[in-house]
C-alpha cells in the first residue's frame, strides 16, 4: 500500500461513512486482542472514535504505515 492509501470507516456516533488518510488513524496494540484498537476523529461530527482491531485490520493499518503504539501492562 502506498502513500495515498485511504480507508473507509463508519463513525459510531453520527453513523456517517467517511474516507480517511493513513495519517488520520492511530493504532494501539494491546496485550490481548480485546485491548487492541484503532482510533480516528470523525470529520463529519468531530467525535473521537475507537474501534477494536482484529488481525486483518492490524495488518492492513500497519502495512499502510499507520502510526502504532504498543500498550504495556501497568505493574503495581
PDB file of N, CA and C in Angstrom:
ATOM      1  N   UNK A   1       0.846  -1.185   0.000  1.00  0.00           N
ATOM      2  CA  UNK A   1       0.000   0.000   0.000  1.00  0.00           C
ATOM      3  C   UNK A   1       0.884   1.239   0.000  1.00  0.00           C
ATOM      4  N   UNK A   2       0.443   2.244  -0.720  1.00  0.00           N
ATOM      5  CA  UNK A   2       1.292   3.412  -0.889  1.00  0.00           C
ATOM      6  C   UNK A   2       0.904   4.596  -0.041  1.00  0.00           C
ATOM      7  N   UNK A   3       1.560   5.713  -0.331  1.00  0.00           N
ATOM      8  CA  UNK A   3       1.358   6.948   0.419  1.00  0.00           C
ATOM      9  C   UNK A   3      -0.069   7.476   0.324  1.00  0.00           C
ATOM     10  N   UNK A   4      -0.744   7.225  -0.769  1.00  0.00           N
ATOM     11  CA  UNK A   4      -2.097   7.735  -0.965  1.00  0.00           C
ATOM     12  C   UNK A   4      -3.182   6.830  -0.418  1.00  0.00           C
ATOM     13  N   UNK A   5      -2.807   5.848   0.385  1.00  0.00           N
ATOM     14  CA  UNK A   5      -3.775   4.891   0.915  1.00  0.00           C
ATOM     15  C   UNK A   5      -4.804   5.592   1.784  1.00  0.00           C
ATOM     16  N   UNK A   6      -6.067   5.224   1.573  1.00  0.00           N
ATOM     17  CA  UNK A   6      -7.165   5.762   2.369  1.00  0.00           C
ATOM     18  C   UNK A   6      -8.043   4.588   2.795  1.00  0.00           C
ATOM     19  N   UNK A   7      -8.710   4.745   3.926  1.00  0.00           N
ATOM     20  CA  UNK A   7      -9.603   3.709   4.433  1.00  0.00           C
ATOM     21  C   UNK A   7     -10.996   4.294   4.628  1.00  0.00           C
ATOM     22  N   UNK A   8     -12.017   3.501   4.308  1.00  0.00           N
ATOM     23  CA  UNK A   8     -13.400   3.901   4.555  1.00  0.00           C
ATOM     24  C   UNK A   8     -13.840   3.284   5.875  1.00  0.00           C
ATOM     25  N   UNK A   9     -14.386   4.122   6.739  1.00  0.00           N
ATOM     26  CA  UNK A   9     -14.830   3.673   8.054  1.00  0.00           C
ATOM     27  C   UNK A   9     -16.158   4.345   8.400  1.00  0.00           C
ATOM     28  N   UNK A  10     -16.878   3.741   9.342  1.00  0.00           N
ATOM     29  CA  UNK A  10     -18.122   4.316   9.841  1.00  0.00           C
ATOM     30  C   UNK A  10     -17.882   4.952  11.195  1.00  0.00           C
ATOM     31  N   UNK A  11     -18.470   6.109  11.396  1.00  0.00           N
ATOM     32  CA  UNK A  11     -18.420   6.764  12.701  1.00  0.00           C
ATOM     33  C   UNK A  11     -19.500   6.139  13.573  1.00  0.00           C
ATOM     34  N   UNK A  12     -19.145   5.700  14.762  1.00  0.00           N
ATOM     35  CA  UNK A  12     -20.124   5.086  15.653  1.00  0.00           C
ATOM     36  C   UNK A  12     -21.017   6.124  16.328  1.00  0.00           C
ATOM     37  N   UNK A  13     -20.680   7.400  16.208  1.00  0.00           N
ATOM     38  CA  UNK A  13     -21.503   8.462  16.798  1.00  0.00           C
ATOM     39  C   UNK A  13     -22.573   8.966  15.821  1.00  0.00           C
ATOM     40  N   UNK A  14     -22.149   9.425  14.650  1.00  0.00           N
ATOM     41  CA  UNK A  14     -23.102  10.014  13.693  1.00  0.00           C
ATOM     42  C   UNK A  14     -23.504   9.044  12.581  1.00  0.00           C
ATOM     43  N   UNK A  15     -22.865   7.875  12.528  1.00  0.00           N
ATOM     44  CA  UNK A  15     -23.144   6.824  11.535  1.00  0.00           C
ATOM     45  C   UNK A  15     -22.751   7.213  10.112  1.00  0.00           C
ATOM     46  N   UNK A  16     -21.972   8.264   9.980  1.00  0.00           N
ATOM     47  CA  UNK A  16     -21.503   8.703   8.662  1.00  0.00           C
ATOM     48  C   UNK A  16     -20.384   7.775   8.187  1.00  0.00           C
ATOM     49  N   UNK A  17     -20.391   7.445   6.895  1.00  0.00           N
ATOM     50  CA  UNK A  17     -19.291   6.680   6.303  1.00  0.00           C
ATOM     51  C   UNK A  17     -18.295   7.700   5.774  1.00  0.00           C
ATOM     52  N   UNK A  18     -17.066   7.643   6.268  1.00  0.00           N
ATOM     53  CA  UNK A  18     -16.053   8.623   5.883  1.00  0.00           C
ATOM     54  C   UNK A  18     -14.821   7.914   5.332  1.00  0.00           C
ATOM     55  N   UNK A  19     -14.066   8.620   4.537  1.00  0.00           N
ATOM     56  CA  UNK A  19     -12.827   8.097   3.972  1.00  0.00           C
ATOM     57  C   UNK A  19     -11.682   8.928   4.535  1.00  0.00           C
ATOM     58  N   UNK A  20     -10.727   8.247   5.167  1.00  0.00           N
ATOM     59  CA  UNK A  20      -9.640   8.943   5.851  1.00  0.00           C
ATOM     60  C   UNK A  20      -8.276   8.484   5.359  1.00  0.00           C
ATOM     61  N   UNK A  21      -7.339   9.399   5.385  1.00  0.00           N
ATOM     62  CA  UNK A  21      -5.954   9.095   5.035  1.00  0.00           C
ATOM     63  C   UNK A  21      -5.275   8.374   6.194  1.00  0.00           C
ATOM     64  N   UNK A  22      -4.199   7.697   5.894  1.00  0.00           N
ATOM     65  CA  UNK A  22      -3.425   6.942   6.885  1.00  0.00           C
ATOM     66  C   UNK A  22      -3.049   7.807   8.089  1.00  0.00           C
ATOM     67  N   UNK A  23      -2.657   9.051   7.848  1.00  0.00           N
ATOM     68  CA  UNK A  23      -2.206   9.942   8.923  1.00  0.00           C
ATOM     69  C   UNK A  23      -3.301  10.262   9.934  1.00  0.00           C
ATOM     70  N   UNK A  24      -4.551  10.000   9.592  1.00  0.00           N
ATOM     71  CA  UNK A  24      -5.666  10.327  10.480  1.00  0.00           C
ATOM     72  C   UNK A  24      -6.020   9.196  11.444  1.00  0.00           C
ATOM     73  N   UNK A  25      -5.303   8.082  11.360  1.00  0.00           N
ATOM     74  CA  UNK A  25      -5.553   6.936  12.232  1.00  0.00           C
ATOM     75  C   UNK A  25      -4.447   6.776  13.264  1.00  0.00           C
ATOM     76  N   UNK A  26      -4.787   6.164  14.379  1.00  0.00           N
ATOM     77  CA  UNK A  26      -3.825   5.720  15.391  1.00  0.00           C
ATOM     78  C   UNK A  26      -4.169   4.270  15.694  1.00  0.00           C
ATOM     79  N   UNK A  27      -3.160   3.448  15.869  1.00  0.00           N
ATOM     80  CA  UNK A  27      -3.346   2.034  16.178  1.00  0.00           C
ATOM     81  C   UNK A  27      -2.661   1.738  17.494  1.00  0.00           C
ATOM     82  N   UNK A  28      -3.382   1.123  18.420  1.00  0.00           N
ATOM     83  CA  UNK A  28      -2.830   0.751  19.722  1.00  0.00           C
ATOM     84  C   UNK A  28      -2.852  -0.766  19.831  1.00  0.00           C
ATOM     85  N   UNK A  29      -1.671  -1.353  20.034  1.00  0.00           N
ATOM     86  CA  UNK A  29      -1.549  -2.806  20.155  1.00  0.00           C
ATOM     87  C   UNK A  29      -1.517  -3.178  21.625  1.00  0.00           C
ATOM     88  N   UNK A  30      -2.567  -3.832  22.088  1.00  0.00           N
ATOM     89  CA  UNK A  30      -2.659  -4.238  23.482  1.00  0.00           C
ATOM     90  C   UNK A  30      -2.086  -5.624  23.703  1.00  0.00           C
ATOM     91  N   UNK A  31      -2.049  -6.033  24.965  1.00  0.00           N
ATOM     92  CA  UNK A  31      -1.527  -7.348  25.328  1.00  0.00           C
ATOM     93  C   UNK A  31      -2.436  -8.469  24.817  1.00  0.00           C
ATOM     94  N   UNK A  32      -3.713  -8.151  24.594  1.00  0.00           N
ATOM     95  CA  UNK A  32      -4.674  -9.131  24.089  1.00  0.00           C
ATOM     96  C   UNK A  32      -5.434  -8.517  22.916  1.00  0.00           C
ATOM     97  N   UNK A  33      -6.132  -9.357  22.181  1.00  0.00           N
ATOM     98  CA  UNK A  33      -6.924  -8.872  21.044  1.00  0.00           C
ATOM     99  C   UNK A  33      -8.006  -7.895  21.498  1.00  0.00           C
ATOM    100  N   UNK A  34      -8.558  -8.122  22.677  1.00  0.00           N
ATOM    101  CA  UNK A  34      -9.612  -7.249  23.199  1.00  0.00           C
ATOM    102  C   UNK A  34      -9.098  -5.853  23.527  1.00  0.00           C
ATOM    103  N   UNK A  35      -7.807  -5.729  23.708  1.00  0.00           N
ATOM    104  CA  UNK A  35      -7.213  -4.434  24.061  1.00  0.00           C
ATOM    105  C   UNK A  35      -6.487  -3.778  22.890  1.00  0.00           C
ATOM    106  N   UNK A  36      -6.662  -4.318  21.705  1.00  0.00           N
ATOM    107  CA  UNK A  36      -6.051  -3.753  20.506  1.00  0.00           C
ATOM    108  C   UNK A  36      -7.125  -2.974  19.760  1.00  0.00           C
ATOM    109  N   UNK A  37      -6.833  -1.715  19.435  1.00  0.00           N
ATOM    110  CA  UNK A  37      -7.842  -0.875  18.805  1.00  0.00           C
ATOM    111  C   UNK A  37      -7.212   0.165  17.886  1.00  0.00           C
ATOM    112  N   UNK A  38      -8.045   0.730  17.036  1.00  0.00           N
ATOM    113  CA  UNK A  38      -7.628   1.881  16.234  1.00  0.00           C
ATOM    114  C   UNK A  38      -8.573   3.028  16.551  1.00  0.00           C
ATOM    115  N   UNK A  39      -8.105   4.234  16.314  1.00  0.00           N
ATOM    116  CA  UNK A  39      -8.942   5.394  16.588  1.00  0.00           C
ATOM    117  C   UNK A  39      -8.746   6.451  15.511  1.00  0.00           C
ATOM    118  N   UNK A  40      -9.744   7.310  15.407  1.00  0.00           N
ATOM    119  CA  UNK A  40      -9.712   8.426  14.467  1.00  0.00           C
ATOM    120  C   UNK A  40     -10.729   9.462  14.925  1.00  0.00           C
ATOM    121  N   UNK A  41     -10.603  10.661  14.408  1.00  0.00           N
ATOM    122  CA  UNK A  41     -11.581  11.711  14.670  1.00  0.00           C
ATOM    123  C   UNK A  41     -12.468  11.834  13.443  1.00  0.00           C
ATOM    124  N   UNK A  42     -13.769  11.740  13.648  1.00  0.00           N
ATOM    125  CA  UNK A  42     -14.719  11.813  12.542  1.00  0.00           C
ATOM    126  C   UNK A  42     -14.756  13.242  11.992  1.00  0.00           C
ATOM    127  N   UNK A  43     -14.499  13.401  10.697  1.00  0.00           N
ATOM    128  CA  UNK A  43     -14.540  14.743  10.120  1.00  0.00           C
ATOM    129  C   UNK A  43     -15.963  15.296  10.001  1.00  0.00           C
ATOM    130  N   UNK A  44     -16.964  14.427  10.070  1.00  0.00           N
ATOM    131  CA  UNK A  44     -18.352  14.869   9.935  1.00  0.00           C
ATOM    132  C   UNK A  44     -18.904  15.458  11.231  1.00  0.00           C
ATOM    133  N   UNK A  45     -18.591  14.811  12.381  1.00  0.00           N
ATOM    134  CA  UNK A  45     -19.178  15.270  13.647  1.00  0.00           C
ATOM    135  C   UNK A  45     -18.147  15.643  14.705  1.00  0.00           C
ATOM    136  N   UNK A  46     -16.870  15.334  14.469  1.00  0.00           N
ATOM    137  CA  UNK A  46     -15.820  15.693  15.416  1.00  0.00           C
ATOM    138  C   UNK A  46     -15.613  14.711  16.556  1.00  0.00           C
ATOM    139  N   UNK A  47     -16.373  13.619  16.567  1.00  0.00           N
ATOM    140  CA  UNK A  47     -16.235  12.628  17.636  1.00  0.00           C
ATOM    141  C   UNK A  47     -14.927  11.856  17.491  1.00  0.00           C
ATOM    142  N   UNK A  48     -14.313  11.540  18.627  1.00  0.00           N
ATOM    143  CA  UNK A  48     -13.154  10.652  18.631  1.00  0.00           C
ATOM    144  C   UNK A  48     -13.712   9.235  18.695  1.00  0.00           C
ATOM    145  N   UNK A  49     -13.416   8.440  17.681  1.00  0.00           N
ATOM    146  CA  UNK A  49     -13.977   7.099  17.545  1.00  0.00           C
ATOM    147  C   UNK A  49     -12.886   6.076  17.814  1.00  0.00           C
ATOM    148  N   UNK A  50     -13.232   5.071  18.612  1.00  0.00           N
ATOM    149  CA  UNK A  50     -12.294   3.998  18.957  1.00  0.00           C
ATOM    150  C   UNK A  50     -12.975   2.667  18.666  1.00  0.00           C
ATOM    151  N   UNK A  51     -12.309   1.827  17.873  1.00  0.00           N
ATOM    152  CA  UNK A  51     -12.879   0.534  17.500  1.00  0.00           C
ATOM    153  C   UNK A  51     -11.843  -0.567  17.686  1.00  0.00           C
ATOM    154  N   UNK A  52     -12.313  -1.754  18.066  1.00  0.00           N
ATOM    155  CA  UNK A  52     -11.395  -2.875  18.218  1.00  0.00           C
ATOM    156  C   UNK A  52     -10.820  -3.243  16.851  1.00  0.00           C
ATOM    157  N   UNK A  53      -9.590  -3.741  16.870  1.00  0.00           N
ATOM    158  CA  UNK A  53      -8.899  -4.086  15.626  1.00  0.00           C
ATOM    159  C   UNK A  53      -8.463  -5.543  15.670  1.00  0.00           C
ATOM    160  N   UNK A  54      -9.043  -6.343  14.797  1.00  0.00           N
ATOM    161  CA  UNK A  54      -8.641  -7.737  14.669  1.00  0.00           C
ATOM    162  C   UNK A  54      -7.357  -7.851  13.864  1.00  0.00           C
ATOM    163  N   UNK A  55      -6.910  -9.068  13.671  1.00  0.00           N
ATOM    164  CA  UNK A  55      -5.636  -9.317  12.982  1.00  0.00           C
ATOM    165  C   UNK A  55      -5.583  -8.717  11.580  1.00  0.00           C
ATOM    166  N   UNK A  56      -6.656  -8.858  10.802  1.00  0.00           N
ATOM    167  CA  UNK A  56      -6.659  -8.338   9.430  1.00  0.00           C
ATOM    168  C   UNK A  56      -6.591  -6.815   9.409  1.00  0.00           C
ATOM    169  N   UNK A  57      -7.300  -6.173  10.317  1.00  0.00           N
ATOM    170  CA  UNK A  57      -7.268  -4.707  10.386  1.00  0.00           C
ATOM    171  C   UNK A  57      -5.892  -4.236  10.824  1.00  0.00           C
ATOM    172  N   UNK A  58      -5.318  -4.889  11.826  1.00  0.00           N
ATOM    173  CA  UNK A  58      -3.965  -4.533  12.282  1.00  0.00           C
ATOM    174  C   UNK A  58      -2.976  -4.672  11.128  1.00  0.00           C
ATOM    175  N   UNK A  59      -3.065  -5.769  10.390  1.00  0.00           N
ATOM    176  CA  UNK A  59      -2.147  -5.996   9.265  1.00  0.00           C
ATOM    177  C   UNK A  59      -2.303  -4.917   8.197  1.00  0.00           C
ATOM    178  N   UNK A  60      -3.535  -4.566   7.853  1.00  0.00           N
ATOM    179  CA  UNK A  60      -3.772  -3.548   6.822  1.00  0.00           C
ATOM    180  C   UNK A  60      -3.283  -2.176   7.267  1.00  0.00           C
ATOM    181  N   UNK A  61      -3.574  -1.808   8.510  1.00  0.00           N
ATOM    182  CA  UNK A  61      -3.168  -0.490   9.002  1.00  0.00           C
ATOM    183  C   UNK A  61      -1.652  -0.373   9.131  1.00  0.00           C
ATOM    184  N   UNK A  62      -0.997  -1.412   9.643  1.00  0.00           N
ATOM    185  CA  UNK A  62       0.460  -1.340   9.785  1.00  0.00           C
ATOM    186  C   UNK A  62       1.143  -1.356   8.420  1.00  0.00           C
ATOM    187  N   UNK A  63       0.624  -2.152   7.481  1.00  0.00           N
ATOM    188  CA  UNK A  63       1.201  -2.187   6.135  1.00  0.00           C
ATOM    189  C   UNK A  63       1.088  -0.830   5.446  1.00  0.00           C
ATOM    190  N   UNK A  64       0.027  -0.093   5.764  1.00  0.00           N
ATOM    191  CA  UNK A  64      -0.177   1.226   5.159  1.00  0.00           C
ATOM    192  C   UNK A  64       0.639   2.312   5.850  1.00  0.00           C
ATOM    193  N   UNK A  65       1.216   1.986   7.013  1.00  0.00           N
ATOM    194  CA  UNK A  65       2.051   2.963   7.705  1.00  0.00           C
ATOM    195  C   UNK A  65       1.357   3.764   8.784  1.00  0.00           C
ATOM    196  N   UNK A  66       0.217   3.269   9.288  1.00  0.00           N
ATOM    197  CA  UNK A  66      -0.481   3.962  10.373  1.00  0.00           C
ATOM    198  C   UNK A  66       0.405   3.999  11.612  1.00  0.00           C
ATOM    199  N   UNK A  67       0.432   5.151  12.270  1.00  0.00           N
ATOM    200  CA  UNK A  67       1.222   5.294  13.498  1.00  0.00           C
ATOM    201  C   UNK A  67       0.716   4.314  14.551  1.00  0.00           C
ATOM    202  N   UNK A  68       1.637   3.564  15.126  1.00  0.00           N
ATOM    203  CA  UNK A  68       1.291   2.484  16.045  1.00  0.00           C
ATOM    204  C   UNK A  68       1.981   2.666  17.382  1.00  0.00           C
ATOM    205  N   UNK A  69       1.256   2.341  18.453  1.00  0.00           N
ATOM    206  CA  UNK A  69       1.880   2.321  19.776  1.00  0.00           C
ATOM    207  C   UNK A  69       1.543   0.995  20.431  1.00  0.00           C
ATOM    208  N   UNK A  70       2.479   0.498  21.222  1.00  0.00           N
ATOM    209  CA  UNK A  70       2.278  -0.757  21.943  1.00  0.00           C
ATOM    210  C   UNK A  70       1.906  -0.420  23.378  1.00  0.00           C
ATOM    211  N   UNK A  71       0.765  -0.950  23.828  1.00  0.00           N
ATOM    212  CA  UNK A  71       0.307  -0.714  25.194  1.00  0.00           C
ATOM    213  C   UNK A  71       0.950  -1.741  26.113  1.00  0.00           C
ATOM    214  N   UNK A  72       1.526  -1.279  27.195  1.00  0.00           N
ATOM    215  CA  UNK A  72       2.188  -2.158  28.151  1.00  0.00           C
ATOM    216  C   UNK A  72       1.362  -2.255  29.420  1.00  0.00           C
ATOM    217  N   UNK A  73       1.314  -3.447  30.029  1.00  0.00           N
ATOM    218  CA  UNK A  73       0.576  -3.580  31.290  1.00  0.00           C
ATOM    219  C   UNK A  73       1.262  -2.780  32.396  1.00  0.00           C
ATOM    220  N   UNK A  74       0.447  -2.239  33.281  1.00  0.00           N
ATOM    221  CA  UNK A  74       0.974  -1.455  34.401  1.00  0.00           C
ATOM    222  C   UNK A  74       1.172  -2.377  35.593  1.00  0.00           C
ATOM    223  N   UNK A  75       2.364  -2.357  36.144  1.00  0.00           N
ATOM    224  CA  UNK A  75       2.666  -3.160  37.334  1.00  0.00           C
ATOM    225  C   UNK A  75       2.250  -2.381  38.573  1.00  0.00           C
ATOM    226  N   UNK A  76       1.688  -3.099  39.518  1.00  0.00           N
ATOM    227  CA  UNK A  76       1.541  -2.400  40.731  1.00  0.00           C
ATOM    228  C   UNK A  76       0.358  -2.324  41.487  1.00  0.00           C
TER     229      UNK A  76
END
